[in-house]
Amino acid sequence: MIVEEIMKTKVYTVTPTVSIADTMRLMEEKKIRHIPVINGEQELVGIVTLTDIREAAPSIFRANEHVEDLQRPVDSIMKKNVITGHPLDFVEEIAAVFYEHKIGCLPITNDQKLVGIVTETDLLRTLVELTGAHQPGSQIEIRVPNLAGKLSDITSIIKGRKANILSVLVYPDKKNDQYKILVIRLQTMNPTALIEDLKQSGHDVLWPNLPGVSL
């Protein structure tokens, strides 16, 4: 999946000369936490976060002091070295960027022009959709040797039970790097017979560990 499939294309923005106060009002009105700053050519020049606004605003205990600070242009508090993505980047790659840089949003640019934005919420929603966690079903975890063909063996057994696969995730076995864990989400609420088939075929089913289902 690429970024342009999940990014928001309707992006609320401000220009560098807009006041901090007006930027804060826009954030409150639209219930957003990040605002890209663009110039007259729609090029990204900075970004302002809710944290930046809070740090610039007077304390609630001194609301009447230094109110002129909020009339400063937003470019006085914006971050200028902005990490960006491209519409054709893979979602997995930008998720790694979020994790590595501990950011809450990623402006998406093409030829330096702002074309969209991706937030943590967008990534979380995408993860839920990709894993099928929002659909009724059940989940099976299987420990398999890290060898070619193991996933094919398992999907053949699933096909034999006419079960529909919603998603497949693979991650390494932390206890033994010669193995990996397959997490398969199925569109069935009762996988008991399938689990029995898997175990009878010699597969190590970690979850669910159903009583009475064994080799």
Protein backbone atom coordinates (compact mmCIF):
# COMPACT_ATOMS: atom_id res chain seq x y z
CA MET A 1 0.00 0.00 0.00
CA ILE A 2 1.29 3.46 -0.89
CA VAL A 3 0.89 6.71 1.00
CA GLU A 4 -1.48 8.42 -1.44
CA GLU A 5 -4.08 5.76 -0.60
CA ILE A 6 -4.26 6.78 3.08
CA MET A 7 -3.18 10.45 3.18
CA LYS A 8 -5.61 13.29 3.76
CA THR A 9 -5.67 15.60 0.75
CA LYS A 10 -7.80 18.28 2.43
CA VAL A 11 -5.11 19.89 4.56
CA TYR A 12 -5.63 22.98 6.72
CA THR A 13 -2.64 25.28 6.33
CA VAL A 14 -1.39 28.74 7.25
CA THR A 15 1.16 31.08 5.72
CA PRO A 16 4.26 32.24 7.63
CA THR A 17 2.81 35.68 8.44
CA VAL A 18 -0.40 34.40 10.07
CA SER A 19 -0.41 35.13 13.78
CA ILE A 20 0.05 32.51 16.46
CA ALA A 21 -3.39 33.46 17.81
CA ASP A 22 -5.11 32.82 14.46
CA THR A 23 -3.26 29.53 14.08
CA MET A 24 -4.40 28.49 17.54
CA ARG A 25 -8.01 29.37 16.70
CA LEU A 26 -7.83 27.32 13.50
CA MET A 27 -6.52 24.32 15.45
CA GLU A 28 -9.34 24.61 17.96
CA GLU A 29 -12.01 25.07 15.30
CA LYS A 30 -10.89 22.12 13.13
CA LYS A 31 -9.82 19.95 16.09
CA ILE A 32 -6.36 19.28 14.65
CA ARG A 33 -2.92 19.06 16.25
CA HIS A 34 -0.64 19.87 13.30
CA ILE A 35 -0.71 22.66 10.73
CA PRO A 36 1.69 22.81 7.78
CA VAL A 37 2.99 26.27 6.88
CA ILE A 38 3.15 27.02 3.15
CA ASN A 39 4.27 29.95 1.00
CA GLY A 40 2.48 31.53 -1.94
CA GLU A 41 3.61 28.74 -4.28
CA GLN A 42 2.04 26.06 -2.04
CA GLU A 43 5.54 24.94 -1.03
CA LEU A 44 6.01 23.56 2.47
CA VAL A 45 8.19 25.86 4.58
CA GLY A 46 7.42 24.65 8.09
CA ILE A 47 5.01 22.98 10.47
CA VAL A 48 3.38 23.98 13.74
CA THR A 49 2.16 21.51 16.33
CA LEU A 50 -0.18 21.88 19.27
CA THR A 51 2.85 21.60 21.55
CA ASP A 52 4.47 24.58 19.80
CA ILE A 53 1.29 26.61 20.35
CA ARG A 54 1.05 25.68 24.02
CA GLU A 55 4.67 26.63 24.61
CA ALA A 56 4.14 30.00 22.93
CA ALA A 57 0.87 30.82 24.69
CA PRO A 58 0.82 32.60 28.09
CA SER A 59 0.11 30.46 31.13
CA ILE A 60 -3.58 30.24 32.06
CA PHE A 61 -2.57 31.75 35.41
CA ARG A 62 -1.16 34.80 33.60
CA ALA A 63 -3.57 35.00 30.70
CA ASN A 64 -3.48 38.81 30.64
CA GLU A 65 0.30 39.05 30.57
CA HIS A 66 2.35 39.07 27.38
CA VAL A 67 -0.75 38.70 25.19
CA GLU A 68 1.27 40.41 22.45
CA ASP A 69 3.23 37.17 22.11
CA LEU A 70 0.24 35.60 20.39
CA GLN A 71 0.29 38.31 17.72
CA ARG A 72 3.72 37.23 16.52
CA PRO A 73 3.82 35.53 13.12
CA VAL A 74 3.63 31.76 13.21
CA ASP A 75 6.99 31.44 11.48
CA SER A 76 8.57 32.55 14.76
CA ILE A 77 7.65 29.23 16.37
CA MET A 78 7.30 26.81 13.43
CA LYS A 79 9.71 23.95 12.83
CA LYS A 80 11.56 24.58 9.58
CA ASN A 81 13.44 21.32 9.08
CA VAL A 82 10.38 19.24 8.32
CA ILE A 83 10.51 15.52 7.62
CA THR A 84 8.29 14.78 4.63
CA GLY A 85 7.04 11.87 2.58
CA HIS A 86 6.09 11.33 -1.05
CA PRO A 87 2.70 10.05 -2.31
CA LEU A 88 4.39 6.94 -3.76
CA ASP A 89 6.21 5.98 -0.56
CA PHE A 90 5.13 2.70 0.99
CA VAL A 91 3.04 2.96 4.15
CA GLU A 92 5.40 0.54 5.94
CA GLU A 93 8.31 2.89 5.22
CA ILE A 94 6.60 5.98 6.61
CA ALA A 95 5.49 4.02 9.67
CA ALA A 96 9.19 3.38 10.31
CA VAL A 97 9.83 7.13 9.93
CA PHE A 98 7.16 7.88 12.57
CA TYR A 99 8.75 5.34 14.90
CA GLU A 100 12.34 6.44 14.36
CA HIS A 101 11.77 10.19 14.65
CA LYS A 102 8.92 10.06 17.20
CA ILE A 103 6.69 12.37 15.15
CA GLY A 104 2.92 12.72 15.13
CA CYS A 105 2.38 13.65 11.50
CA LEU A 106 4.11 13.59 8.14
CA PRO A 107 3.41 16.21 5.45
CA ILE A 108 3.35 14.67 1.98
CA THR A 109 4.96 16.68 -0.81
CA ASN A 110 5.47 16.33 -4.54
CA ASP A 111 7.93 18.66 -6.27
CA GLN A 112 8.19 20.53 -2.94
CA LYS A 113 4.45 21.34 -3.01
CA LEU A 114 2.20 20.13 -0.19
CA VAL A 115 -0.27 17.53 -1.49
CA GLY A 116 -1.40 15.78 1.70
CA ILE A 117 -0.71 14.78 5.28
CA VAL A 118 -0.56 11.53 7.25
CA THR A 119 -1.08 11.38 11.02
CA GLU A 120 -0.65 8.72 13.68
CA THR A 121 -4.41 8.18 13.56
CA ASP A 122 -4.25 7.46 9.82
CA LEU A 123 -1.54 4.86 10.40
CA LEU A 124 -3.48 3.21 13.23
CA ARG A 125 -6.65 3.05 11.13
CA THR A 126 -4.68 1.55 8.26
CA LEU A 127 -3.16 -1.09 10.56
CA VAL A 128 -6.62 -2.08 11.78
CA GLU A 129 -7.90 -2.35 8.21
CA LEU A 130 -4.88 -4.31 6.96
CA THR A 131 -5.11 -6.84 9.78
CA GLY A 132 -8.89 -7.18 9.46
CA ALA A 133 -9.24 -6.56 13.19
CA HIS A 134 -12.39 -4.49 12.58
CA GLN A 135 -14.17 -7.49 11.03
CA PRO A 136 -15.72 -10.43 12.89
CA GLY A 137 -13.37 -13.39 12.87
CA SER A 138 -10.78 -15.36 14.77
CA GLN A 139 -7.00 -15.38 14.98
CA ILE A 140 -4.55 -18.28 14.86
CA GLU A 141 -0.83 -18.10 15.70
CA ILE A 142 1.43 -20.82 14.34
CA ARG A 143 5.14 -21.38 14.98
CA VAL A 144 6.89 -22.66 11.85
CA PRO A 145 10.50 -23.29 10.76
CA ASN A 146 11.91 -20.38 8.77
CA LEU A 147 11.83 -22.37 5.53
CA ALA A 148 10.29 -21.78 2.13
CA GLY A 149 6.84 -23.26 1.53
CA LYS A 150 5.56 -23.33 5.11
CA LEU A 151 2.95 -20.62 4.52
CA SER A 152 1.76 -22.47 1.41
CA ASP A 153 1.35 -25.67 3.44
CA ILE A 154 -0.79 -23.90 6.00
CA THR A 155 -2.96 -22.02 3.50
CA SER A 156 -3.67 -25.34 1.77
CA ILE A 157 -5.08 -26.71 5.02
CA ILE A 158 -7.14 -23.54 5.51
CA LYS A 159 -8.46 -23.87 1.96
CA GLY A 160 -9.50 -27.42 2.73
CA ARG A 161 -11.77 -26.08 5.47
CA LYS A 162 -13.09 -23.38 3.08
CA ALA A 163 -12.07 -20.65 5.54
CA ASN A 164 -11.47 -17.14 4.21
CA ILE A 165 -8.19 -15.46 5.19
CA LEU A 166 -8.53 -11.80 6.22
CA SER A 167 -4.84 -11.12 6.84
CA VAL A 168 -1.46 -12.74 7.40
CA LEU A 169 1.34 -11.26 9.54
CA VAL A 170 4.79 -12.74 9.99
CA TYR A 171 7.26 -11.94 12.74
CA PRO A 172 10.42 -13.64 14.05
CA ASP A 173 10.38 -16.01 16.99
CA LYS A 174 12.33 -14.17 19.67
CA LYS A 175 13.34 -17.42 21.32
CA ASN A 176 14.79 -19.06 18.20
CA ASP A 177 15.72 -17.25 14.99
CA GLN A 178 15.31 -20.51 13.07
CA TYR A 179 11.56 -20.13 13.48
CA LYS A 180 8.94 -17.50 12.74
CA ILE A 181 5.41 -16.87 13.93
CA LEU A 182 2.52 -16.68 11.48
CA VAL A 183 -0.51 -14.70 12.68
CA ILE A 184 -3.49 -15.53 10.48
CA ARG A 185 -6.85 -13.82 10.88
CA LEU A 186 -9.79 -15.82 9.53
CA GLN A 187 -13.36 -14.96 8.68
CA THR A 188 -14.74 -17.63 10.95
CA MET A 189 -15.84 -17.52 14.56
CA ASN A 190 -15.11 -21.19 15.28
CA PRO A 191 -11.67 -22.37 14.11
CA THR A 192 -11.68 -25.55 16.24
CA ALA A 193 -11.78 -28.02 13.33
CA LEU A 194 -9.12 -26.08 11.45
CA ILE A 195 -6.82 -26.03 14.48
CA GLU A 196 -7.22 -29.79 14.78
CA ASP A 197 -6.29 -30.19 11.10
CA LEU A 198 -3.21 -28.00 11.58
CA LYS A 199 -2.02 -29.91 14.61
CA GLN A 200 -2.64 -33.27 12.97
CA SER A 201 -0.45 -32.06 10.09
CA GLY A 202 2.35 -31.43 12.58
CA HIS A 203 2.07 -27.66 12.90
CA ASP A 204 2.77 -25.96 16.24
CA VAL A 205 -0.37 -23.89 16.98
CA LEU A 206 0.44 -21.40 19.72
CA TRP A 207 -2.95 -19.70 19.84
CA PRO A 208 -5.66 -20.52 20.59
CA ASN A 209 -4.51 -23.43 22.71
CA LEU A 210 -7.86 -25.19 22.77
CA PRO A 211 -8.44 -28.02 25.27
CA GLY A 212 -8.99 -31.36 23.67
CA VAL A 213 -7.36 -30.36 20.39
CA SER A 214 -4.03 -32.11 20.20
CA LEU A 215 -1.98 -34.51 18.17
